[in-house]
Amino acid sequence: MRESGSKLYLIVPVLVIAIIFVAYMFSWDIGAHFHPDQTTGDMAELTKMIADQIDEGKKSGDFYIKDIKADDLAGINDYICNLNGSVSQYSVLEKSRHGLKVRFFYEISDNYYVYQKYVNGTGIPSDRPAAMKLYEQVNVIIPRIISPNMTDYEKELAIHDYIVTNCEYGYVDYSNDYAYRAYGVLVQGKAVCNGYAEAMALLLNCVGIENEIMTGWANGELHAWNRVKLDGKWYQVDSTWDDPIPDRGSFAGHEFFNVTDDIMDDTHEWTFSDYDSCDDMTYNYFQVNNLIGDYQAFKSKVDFFATRYPNGTIEYVLTDYDKDTYDMSQIANVQGITSFTYSPENYGPYYIMTINLNQK
């Protein structure tokens, strides 16, 4: 009896060590094998997987990660610019020689609940009063600016112009909590770039137009804007940069409405490999509205516009601009025009001219 008992005494710790060894050696591999859709060794792919789960309204998700250090996960939200939420915290559940098993916990945003209610009629939780207020505003805005017979381009333009003319860049006096959210734009009427981008994305989602929020840099600072898919082609749009500072009420600029990478690259920076290319001009604002041409076409358009809108703003893309040969004095000869300012800026291979008539 003593001999068998001592053998058992020796076998148990050996078995425990063996189980630990097998778990260390093969547990991650087994989990990864059975969950290939939750396994990755690439940060960009991981953030895409997380974003997909957030878009589904999930509260948490487990992933099998290789070739990514645990310390690198601390800045995971720097890679996720998701309309519907973000990572609130994470926990490393397992470590093995091949990788990590990590559980991410998500904070679902008000935008998610607004979209679900607007499109699917899903109820908004009672503990999300801001989401309900945002939904009520969305439910007023969309019927006001969108009609069923509109094309996707016309819907996008209506959403862009509504945001630009109804929001002022900055922070509300009593709080900046919502300046980075769609709520700041659509409810408070004041926000910064991430709020503009969220508001564009939320309204575009609600009317069924595919889009994404883009992140990068502008003027050396972190920046967010959008890209939109029309008839299978991607276009960049930045409603923040189309909103003049100081605010000019009903005027909406269109310099950054449905532009190519080549045009946007003059003023914005982003990681090109993170996004499909934007290289089409079909739905560019100036292309659609016949506002691209040479000096003669420009002169004719200015004459026509100035006599009808003596306090308006003209935007025109010039294919042959030359500051030494362009004569802007003609504007002063138009009846009713007492003052004007103009500014030419790079626009990809061309220049864009913006002329303000009788404005301070």
Protein backbone atom coordinates (compact mmCIF):
# COMPACT_ATOMS: atom_id res chain seq x y z
CA MET A 1 0.00 0.00 0.00
CA ARG A 2 2.78 2.40 0.88
CA GLU A 3 4.55 1.66 -2.41
CA SER A 4 1.47 2.34 -4.56
CA GLY A 5 0.73 5.47 -2.56
CA SER A 6 4.23 6.80 -3.07
CA LYS A 7 3.98 6.06 -6.83
CA LEU A 8 0.71 8.00 -6.96
CA TYR A 9 2.38 10.79 -5.06
CA LEU A 10 5.00 10.98 -7.80
CA ILE A 11 2.60 10.54 -10.75
CA VAL A 12 0.22 13.41 -9.84
CA PRO A 13 2.76 16.24 -10.04
CA VAL A 14 4.17 14.76 -13.24
CA LEU A 15 0.68 14.76 -14.77
CA VAL A 16 0.12 18.34 -13.67
CA ILE A 17 3.40 19.41 -15.20
CA ALA A 18 2.56 17.51 -18.38
CA ILE A 19 -0.86 19.18 -18.63
CA ILE A 20 0.69 22.61 -18.11
CA PHE A 21 3.32 21.83 -20.73
CA VAL A 22 0.73 20.66 -23.26
CA ALA A 23 -1.44 23.70 -22.54
CA TYR A 24 1.53 26.01 -23.03
CA MET A 25 2.64 24.23 -26.18
CA PHE A 26 -0.67 23.56 -27.89
CA SER A 27 -3.61 25.43 -26.30
CA TRP A 28 -3.17 28.53 -28.48
CA ASP A 29 -2.77 26.37 -31.59
CA ILE A 30 -5.94 24.45 -30.81
CA GLY A 31 -7.93 27.63 -30.18
CA ALA A 32 -6.57 29.28 -33.31
CA HIS A 33 -7.37 26.17 -35.35
CA PHE A 34 -11.02 26.19 -34.30
CA HIS A 35 -11.38 29.99 -34.54
CA PRO A 36 -9.57 31.08 -37.73
CA ASP A 37 -11.89 34.08 -38.08
CA GLN A 38 -10.57 35.33 -34.73
CA THR A 39 -6.89 34.67 -35.42
CA THR A 40 -4.41 37.17 -36.86
CA GLY A 41 -0.82 38.34 -36.81
CA ASP A 42 -1.48 41.74 -38.31
CA MET A 43 -2.55 44.86 -36.40
CA ALA A 44 -4.58 46.27 -39.30
CA GLU A 45 -6.47 42.99 -39.65
CA LEU A 46 -7.04 42.81 -35.89
CA THR A 47 -8.54 46.29 -35.80
CA LYS A 48 -10.77 45.38 -38.75
CA MET A 49 -12.00 42.28 -36.89
CA ILE A 50 -12.66 44.34 -33.77
CA ALA A 51 -14.49 47.00 -35.80
CA ASP A 52 -16.69 44.32 -37.35
CA GLN A 53 -17.67 43.05 -33.90
CA ILE A 54 -18.40 46.57 -32.70
CA ASP A 55 -20.58 47.12 -35.79
CA GLU A 56 -22.56 44.04 -34.74
CA GLY A 57 -23.14 45.55 -31.30
CA LYS A 58 -21.10 42.95 -29.45
CA LYS A 59 -19.87 43.84 -25.97
CA SER A 60 -16.66 41.75 -26.08
CA GLY A 61 -14.61 39.46 -28.29
CA ASP A 62 -11.76 36.95 -27.94
CA PHE A 63 -8.85 36.86 -30.40
CA TYR A 64 -5.82 34.65 -30.97
CA ILE A 65 -2.94 37.00 -31.74
CA LYS A 66 0.56 36.25 -32.99
CA ASP A 67 3.46 38.57 -33.81
CA ILE A 68 1.81 41.41 -31.86
CA LYS A 69 3.21 42.32 -28.44
CA ALA A 70 0.87 42.78 -25.49
CA ASP A 71 2.26 46.28 -24.94
CA ASP A 72 1.25 47.26 -28.50
CA LEU A 73 -2.40 46.63 -27.64
CA ALA A 74 -2.51 49.57 -25.22
CA GLY A 75 -2.96 51.97 -28.15
CA ILE A 76 -5.48 49.83 -30.03
CA ASN A 77 -7.98 52.69 -30.27
CA ASP A 78 -5.42 54.73 -32.19
CA TYR A 79 -6.04 52.31 -35.05
CA ILE A 80 -9.82 52.13 -34.67
CA CYS A 81 -11.93 55.07 -35.80
CA ASN A 82 -15.30 53.41 -35.63
CA LEU A 83 -18.63 55.18 -35.73
CA ASN A 84 -20.22 52.58 -33.48
CA GLY A 85 -17.79 52.32 -30.59
CA SER A 86 -14.29 51.63 -29.31
CA VAL A 87 -12.29 49.30 -27.05
CA SER A 88 -12.84 50.14 -23.38
CA GLN A 89 -10.35 47.61 -21.98
CA TYR A 90 -8.69 44.29 -22.72
CA SER A 91 -7.33 41.29 -20.83
CA VAL A 92 -4.65 38.77 -21.82
CA LEU A 93 -6.26 35.39 -21.08
CA GLU A 94 -3.44 33.12 -22.25
CA LYS A 95 0.21 33.35 -23.21
CA SER A 96 2.01 30.69 -25.19
CA ARG A 97 5.10 30.36 -27.31
CA HIS A 98 2.98 31.04 -30.41
CA GLY A 99 0.93 34.00 -29.28
CA LEU A 100 -1.68 35.51 -27.01
CA LYS A 101 -5.36 34.94 -26.41
CA VAL A 102 -6.84 38.35 -25.67
CA ARG A 103 -10.34 39.42 -24.69
CA PHE A 104 -11.39 42.91 -25.74
CA PHE A 105 -14.33 44.73 -24.12
CA TYR A 106 -16.22 47.29 -26.20
CA GLU A 107 -18.00 50.53 -25.44
CA ILE A 108 -20.88 50.76 -27.89
CA SER A 109 -21.62 54.35 -28.96
CA ASP A 110 -24.91 56.24 -29.20
CA ASN A 111 -24.51 56.18 -32.99
CA TYR A 112 -24.99 52.40 -33.05
CA TYR A 113 -28.33 52.60 -31.24
CA VAL A 114 -29.48 55.52 -33.41
CA TYR A 115 -28.72 53.63 -36.63
CA GLN A 116 -30.38 50.44 -35.41
CA LYS A 117 -33.53 52.29 -34.42
CA TYR A 118 -33.71 54.39 -37.59
CA VAL A 119 -33.11 51.48 -39.98
CA ASN A 120 -34.40 48.45 -38.08
CA GLY A 121 -36.77 49.95 -35.51
CA THR A 122 -34.73 48.51 -32.63
CA GLY A 123 -35.40 50.11 -29.26
CA ILE A 124 -32.83 52.38 -27.63
CA PRO A 125 -31.86 51.34 -24.06
CA SER A 126 -33.39 53.51 -21.37
CA ASP A 127 -29.94 54.33 -19.95
CA ARG A 128 -28.92 56.02 -23.25
CA PRO A 129 -30.83 59.35 -23.18
CA ALA A 130 -28.26 61.03 -25.45
CA ALA A 131 -28.82 58.32 -28.05
CA MET A 132 -32.56 58.97 -27.95
CA LYS A 133 -32.05 62.70 -28.34
CA LEU A 134 -29.67 62.12 -31.25
CA TYR A 135 -32.15 59.75 -32.87
CA GLU A 136 -34.95 62.31 -32.59
CA GLN A 137 -32.75 64.86 -34.36
CA VAL A 138 -31.76 62.41 -37.10
CA ASN A 139 -35.41 61.53 -37.57
CA VAL A 140 -36.14 65.22 -38.21
CA ILE A 141 -33.11 66.01 -40.39
CA ILE A 142 -33.30 63.18 -42.92
CA PRO A 143 -36.92 63.68 -44.05
CA ARG A 144 -36.20 67.42 -44.28
CA ILE A 145 -33.21 67.16 -46.62
CA ILE A 146 -33.65 63.79 -48.36
CA SER A 147 -36.37 62.76 -50.79
CA PRO A 148 -36.90 59.27 -52.27
CA ASN A 149 -36.22 60.35 -55.86
CA MET A 150 -32.71 61.65 -55.06
CA THR A 151 -29.61 59.93 -56.42
CA ASP A 152 -26.95 58.83 -53.94
CA TYR A 153 -24.81 61.77 -55.06
CA GLU A 154 -27.65 64.20 -54.32
CA LYS A 155 -28.26 62.60 -50.91
CA GLU A 156 -24.58 62.85 -50.03
CA LEU A 157 -24.48 66.50 -51.13
CA ALA A 158 -27.58 67.33 -49.09
CA ILE A 159 -26.05 65.72 -45.99
CA HIS A 160 -22.71 67.47 -46.52
CA ASP A 161 -24.32 70.89 -47.00
CA TYR A 162 -26.62 70.43 -44.00
CA ILE A 163 -23.68 69.63 -41.71
CA VAL A 164 -21.54 72.51 -43.00
CA THR A 165 -24.32 75.11 -42.73
CA ASN A 166 -25.73 73.94 -39.40
CA CYS A 167 -22.57 73.26 -37.43
CA GLU A 168 -19.83 75.62 -36.30
CA TYR A 169 -16.30 74.37 -35.73
CA GLY A 170 -15.32 74.44 -32.05
CA TYR A 171 -16.58 73.53 -28.60
CA VAL A 172 -19.75 74.47 -26.74
CA ASP A 173 -19.09 76.75 -23.77
CA TYR A 174 -20.33 74.41 -21.06
CA SER A 175 -18.80 71.13 -22.26
CA ASN A 176 -16.61 69.60 -24.95
CA ASP A 177 -17.72 66.02 -24.21
CA TYR A 178 -19.63 65.73 -27.49
CA ALA A 179 -17.38 67.82 -29.73
CA TYR A 180 -15.84 64.63 -31.09
CA ARG A 181 -19.17 62.89 -31.62
CA ALA A 182 -22.01 63.12 -34.13
CA TYR A 183 -24.11 64.40 -31.21
CA GLY A 184 -22.03 67.60 -31.11
CA VAL A 185 -22.77 68.31 -34.78
CA LEU A 186 -26.42 67.27 -35.03
CA VAL A 187 -27.72 68.23 -31.57
CA GLN A 188 -25.41 70.93 -30.20
CA GLY A 189 -24.39 72.48 -33.52
CA LYS A 190 -20.74 72.71 -32.57
CA ALA A 191 -17.96 70.15 -33.00
CA VAL A 192 -14.46 69.39 -34.26
CA CYS A 193 -13.29 67.16 -37.11
CA ASN A 194 -14.13 63.77 -35.61
CA GLY A 195 -17.64 65.00 -34.87
CA TYR A 196 -18.09 66.19 -38.45
CA ALA A 197 -16.84 62.83 -39.77
CA GLU A 198 -19.14 60.89 -37.42
CA ALA A 199 -22.17 62.96 -38.39
CA MET A 200 -21.46 62.42 -42.10
CA ALA A 201 -21.02 58.69 -41.55
CA LEU A 202 -24.14 58.31 -39.41
CA LEU A 203 -26.46 60.12 -41.82
CA LEU A 204 -24.93 58.37 -44.84
CA ASN A 205 -25.43 55.01 -43.14
CA CYS A 206 -29.04 55.85 -42.37
CA VAL A 207 -29.78 56.57 -46.04
CA GLY A 208 -27.91 53.49 -47.22
CA ILE A 209 -24.73 54.97 -48.73
CA GLU A 210 -21.52 53.01 -48.13
CA ASN A 211 -18.82 55.07 -46.44
CA GLU A 212 -15.91 54.98 -44.02
CA ILE A 213 -14.27 57.39 -41.61
CA MET A 214 -10.67 58.15 -42.60
CA THR A 215 -7.95 59.20 -40.17
CA GLY A 216 -4.66 60.93 -40.81
CA TRP A 217 -3.12 64.37 -40.47
CA ALA A 218 -3.78 67.89 -41.73
CA ASN A 219 -1.70 70.95 -40.88
CA GLY A 220 0.46 68.66 -38.77
CA GLU A 221 -2.43 67.62 -36.50
CA LEU A 222 -4.49 64.44 -36.22
CA HIS A 223 -7.55 64.72 -38.42
CA ALA A 224 -10.63 62.72 -39.41
CA TRP A 225 -12.77 62.90 -42.55
CA ASN A 226 -14.76 60.54 -44.78
CA ARG A 227 -14.72 58.56 -47.97
CA VAL A 228 -17.87 57.61 -49.83
CA LYS A 229 -18.63 54.90 -52.38
CA LEU A 230 -20.80 55.86 -55.37
CA ASP A 231 -21.39 53.48 -58.27
CA GLY A 232 -18.48 51.30 -57.15
CA LYS A 233 -15.95 54.16 -56.92
CA TRP A 234 -14.51 55.69 -53.77
CA TYR A 235 -14.32 59.48 -53.22
CA GLN A 236 -12.86 61.50 -50.35
CA VAL A 237 -14.95 64.18 -48.64
CA ASP A 238 -14.02 66.50 -45.77
CA SER A 239 -16.97 68.46 -44.42
CA THR A 240 -14.79 70.05 -41.71
CA TRP A 241 -12.52 71.72 -44.24
CA ASP A 242 -15.53 72.76 -46.34
CA ASP A 243 -16.90 74.70 -43.35
CA PRO A 244 -15.41 78.23 -43.40
CA ILE A 245 -13.84 79.77 -40.30
CA PRO A 246 -15.28 82.10 -39.16
CA ASP A 247 -18.63 80.51 -39.87
CA ARG A 248 -20.51 81.98 -42.85
CA GLY A 249 -24.02 80.78 -42.18
CA SER A 250 -25.72 79.36 -45.25
CA PHE A 251 -22.58 79.07 -47.36
CA ALA A 252 -21.08 75.60 -47.80
CA GLY A 253 -17.76 75.17 -49.54
CA HIS A 254 -17.15 72.18 -51.84
CA GLU A 255 -13.39 72.18 -52.33
CA PHE A 256 -13.17 68.82 -50.55
CA PHE A 257 -16.37 67.21 -51.81
CA ASN A 258 -15.77 63.92 -53.63
CA VAL A 259 -12.15 64.46 -54.53
CA THR A 260 -9.36 62.13 -55.61
CA ASP A 261 -6.32 61.09 -53.59
CA ASP A 262 -4.27 63.38 -55.84
CA ILE A 263 -6.32 66.43 -54.87
CA MET A 264 -6.59 65.56 -51.18
CA ASP A 265 -2.87 64.83 -50.97
CA ASP A 266 -2.17 68.58 -51.38
CA THR A 267 -3.46 69.24 -47.86
CA HIS A 268 -4.01 65.90 -46.07
CA GLU A 269 -1.85 62.94 -45.11
CA TRP A 270 -2.92 59.36 -44.48
CA THR A 271 -1.59 55.82 -44.76
CA PHE A 272 -2.43 55.01 -48.38
CA SER A 273 -2.23 51.25 -47.89
CA ASP A 274 -5.06 51.37 -45.33
CA TYR A 275 -7.64 52.45 -47.91
CA ASP A 276 -8.72 51.70 -51.46
CA SER A 277 -7.59 54.38 -53.91
CA CYS A 278 -9.81 57.30 -54.87
CA ASP A 279 -8.98 58.18 -58.47
CA ASP A 280 -12.30 59.02 -60.13
CA MET A 281 -13.79 62.47 -60.80
CA THR A 282 -17.25 61.45 -62.03
CA TYR A 283 -18.99 62.61 -58.85
CA ASN A 284 -16.68 65.46 -57.97
CA TYR A 285 -18.82 68.52 -57.13
CA PHE A 286 -17.23 70.75 -59.78
CA GLN A 287 -17.36 68.07 -62.43
CA VAL A 288 -21.06 67.39 -61.85
CA ASN A 289 -21.93 71.10 -61.85
CA ASN A 290 -19.83 72.08 -64.88
CA LEU A 291 -17.55 74.28 -62.80
CA ILE A 292 -14.25 73.18 -64.34
CA GLY A 293 -12.82 75.09 -67.30
CA ASP A 294 -10.36 77.57 -68.76
CA TYR A 295 -10.21 81.36 -68.41
CA GLN A 296 -12.94 82.12 -70.95
CA ALA A 297 -15.38 79.66 -69.39
CA PHE A 298 -14.50 81.03 -65.95
CA LYS A 299 -15.07 84.65 -67.03
CA SER A 300 -18.47 83.82 -68.48
CA LYS A 301 -19.49 81.96 -65.31
CA VAL A 302 -18.38 84.85 -63.08
CA ASP A 303 -20.33 87.40 -65.13
CA PHE A 304 -23.46 85.25 -64.99
CA PHE A 305 -23.16 84.56 -61.26
CA ALA A 306 -22.23 88.06 -60.10
CA THR A 307 -25.24 89.75 -61.73
CA ARG A 308 -27.62 87.32 -60.00
CA TYR A 309 -25.91 86.81 -56.61
CA PRO A 310 -24.10 90.07 -55.77
CA ASN A 311 -23.46 88.89 -52.19
CA GLY A 312 -22.59 85.31 -53.07
CA THR A 313 -19.50 83.14 -53.26
CA ILE A 314 -18.23 81.61 -56.49
CA GLU A 315 -16.18 78.41 -56.58
CA TYR A 316 -14.54 77.38 -59.85
CA VAL A 317 -11.77 74.96 -60.86
CA LEU A 318 -9.37 76.47 -63.39
CA THR A 319 -7.48 74.36 -65.87
CA ASP A 320 -5.14 77.11 -67.08
CA TYR A 321 -4.64 79.46 -64.13
CA ASP A 322 -1.73 81.86 -64.32
CA LYS A 323 -1.59 84.69 -61.80
CA ASP A 324 0.18 86.94 -64.30
CA THR A 325 -2.44 86.64 -67.04
CA TYR A 326 -5.70 86.23 -65.12
CA ASP A 327 -7.53 89.56 -64.98
CA MET A 328 -9.88 89.72 -62.01
CA SER A 329 -10.69 93.42 -62.38
CA GLN A 330 -13.70 92.55 -64.55
CA ILE A 331 -15.61 91.70 -61.38
CA ALA A 332 -15.45 95.32 -60.20
CA ASN A 333 -17.22 96.37 -63.39
CA VAL A 334 -20.31 94.29 -62.68
CA GLN A 335 -23.21 96.45 -61.51
CA GLY A 336 -23.81 96.15 -57.77
CA ILE A 337 -20.33 94.81 -56.94
CA THR A 338 -18.49 97.24 -54.70
CA SER A 339 -15.91 94.86 -53.23
CA PHE A 340 -14.64 91.34 -53.65
CA THR A 341 -11.88 89.04 -52.48
CA TYR A 342 -10.50 85.99 -54.20
CA SER A 343 -8.04 83.20 -53.47
CA PRO A 344 -6.55 80.60 -55.84
CA GLU A 345 -5.37 77.30 -54.30
CA ASN A 346 -3.87 74.09 -55.63
CA TYR A 347 -6.43 71.51 -56.69
CA GLY A 348 -4.50 68.49 -57.88
CA PRO A 349 -3.21 69.41 -61.37
CA TYR A 350 -5.42 72.54 -61.45
CA TYR A 351 -6.33 75.51 -59.26
CA ILE A 352 -9.55 76.28 -57.46
CA MET A 353 -10.68 79.91 -57.31
CA THR A 354 -13.01 81.10 -54.55
CA ILE A 355 -14.46 84.61 -54.96
CA ASN A 356 -16.44 86.39 -52.23
CA LEU A 357 -18.63 89.23 -53.47
CA ASN A 358 -19.52 92.23 -51.25
CA GLN A 359 -18.50 90.32 -48.11
CA LYS A 360 -16.32 91.40 -45.23
